[in-house]
Amino acid sequence: MIILPYVLGISLIGITISMLLCLIRLVIGPSMVDRLLALDTLFLNATCLVVVLGIYWASTSLFEGALLVAMLGFVSTAALARYFTTGHVVD
């Protein structure tokens, strides 16, 4: 288990770089669909980041936070996609 902190550190760096690239796509995306997909991927990366940090710090409470981030990401992506396709969220 000596190698686990190194692997988690590399994972944190990779997830952070991925989040930065998604943020760039979110800002300069040519269409609204690109921005929506970048936002969804950003939520997924945030969930992964919280899970990896929970493993790194050996904290079980961060896994509940990751679940909340995942649910918020799903609901917001579905609501934004519906808004962009129909013009309203709730019928």
Protein backbone atom coordinates (compact mmCIF):
# COMPACT_ATOMS: atom_id res chain seq x y z
CA MET A 1 0.00 0.00 0.00
CA ILE A 2 2.98 2.31 -0.29
CA ILE A 3 2.12 3.17 -3.89
CA LEU A 4 -1.50 4.21 -3.17
CA PRO A 5 -0.74 7.88 -2.23
CA TYR A 6 1.25 8.33 -5.43
CA VAL A 7 -1.53 6.89 -7.58
CA LEU A 8 -4.10 9.08 -5.85
CA GLY A 9 -1.90 12.14 -6.34
CA ILE A 10 -1.55 11.42 -10.05
CA SER A 11 -5.32 10.91 -10.25
CA LEU A 12 -5.94 14.25 -8.55
CA ILE A 13 -3.66 15.99 -11.04
CA GLY A 14 -5.37 14.30 -13.98
CA ILE A 15 -8.85 15.16 -12.75
CA THR A 16 -7.82 18.77 -12.11
CA ILE A 17 -6.41 19.12 -15.64
CA SER A 18 -9.60 17.60 -17.03
CA MET A 19 -11.69 20.08 -15.05
CA LEU A 20 -9.66 22.98 -16.39
CA LEU A 21 -10.12 21.78 -19.96
CA CYS A 22 -13.87 21.40 -19.39
CA LEU A 23 -13.99 24.92 -17.97
CA ILE A 24 -12.27 26.24 -21.10
CA ARG A 25 -14.81 24.41 -23.28
CA LEU A 26 -17.61 25.80 -21.13
CA VAL A 27 -16.42 29.36 -21.66
CA ILE A 28 -15.52 29.26 -25.37
CA GLY A 29 -17.85 26.55 -26.63
CA PRO A 30 -19.17 27.48 -30.07
CA SER A 31 -22.70 26.21 -29.43
CA MET A 32 -25.00 25.81 -26.47
CA VAL A 33 -24.88 22.02 -26.78
CA ASP A 34 -21.08 22.09 -26.39
CA ARG A 35 -21.44 24.22 -23.28
CA LEU A 36 -24.08 21.89 -21.85
CA LEU A 37 -21.91 18.83 -22.44
CA ALA A 38 -18.93 20.62 -20.88
CA LEU A 39 -21.04 21.42 -17.82
CA ASP A 40 -22.16 17.80 -17.52
CA THR A 41 -18.56 16.60 -17.82
CA LEU A 42 -17.50 19.17 -15.25
CA PHE A 43 -20.04 17.78 -12.79
CA LEU A 44 -18.76 14.27 -13.48
CA ASN A 45 -15.17 15.38 -12.88
CA ALA A 46 -16.20 17.14 -9.66
CA THR A 47 -17.83 13.93 -8.45
CA CYS A 48 -14.67 11.97 -9.26
CA LEU A 49 -12.53 14.57 -7.51
CA VAL A 50 -14.59 14.33 -4.32
CA VAL A 51 -14.44 10.51 -4.40
CA VAL A 52 -10.66 10.48 -4.89
CA LEU A 53 -10.24 13.02 -2.08
CA GLY A 54 -12.43 10.85 0.14
CA ILE A 55 -10.16 7.88 -0.52
CA TYR A 56 -7.03 10.00 -0.01
CA TRP A 57 -8.20 11.48 3.30
CA ALA A 58 -9.95 8.24 4.40
CA SER A 59 -13.17 10.16 5.09
CA THR A 60 -16.55 8.55 4.55
CA SER A 61 -18.47 11.82 4.70
CA LEU A 62 -17.04 12.95 1.36
CA PHE A 63 -18.81 10.09 -0.40
CA GLU A 64 -22.16 11.56 0.61
CA GLY A 65 -20.99 14.87 -0.83
CA ALA A 66 -20.06 13.11 -4.07
CA LEU A 67 -23.55 11.65 -4.24
CA LEU A 68 -25.07 15.10 -3.80
CA VAL A 69 -22.85 16.56 -6.53
CA ALA A 70 -23.82 13.73 -8.89
CA MET A 71 -27.55 14.23 -8.25
CA LEU A 72 -27.27 17.98 -8.67
CA GLY A 73 -25.35 17.51 -11.92
CA PHE A 74 -27.93 15.12 -13.34
CA VAL A 75 -30.90 17.32 -12.47
CA SER A 76 -29.27 20.52 -13.74
CA THR A 77 -28.19 18.91 -17.03
CA ALA A 78 -31.66 17.48 -17.62
CA ALA A 79 -33.32 20.81 -16.80
CA LEU A 80 -30.97 22.82 -19.01
CA ALA A 81 -31.35 20.38 -21.91
CA ARG A 82 -35.12 20.59 -21.64
CA TYR A 83 -34.97 24.38 -21.47
CA PHE A 84 -32.77 24.62 -24.56
CA THR A 85 -34.96 22.25 -26.58
CA THR A 86 -38.46 23.41 -25.60
CA GLY A 87 -37.97 26.86 -24.08
CA HIS A 88 -39.37 25.93 -20.67
CA VAL A 89 -38.50 23.46 -17.92
CA VAL A 90 -41.87 22.52 -16.46
CA ASP A 91 -45.01 21.94 -18.52
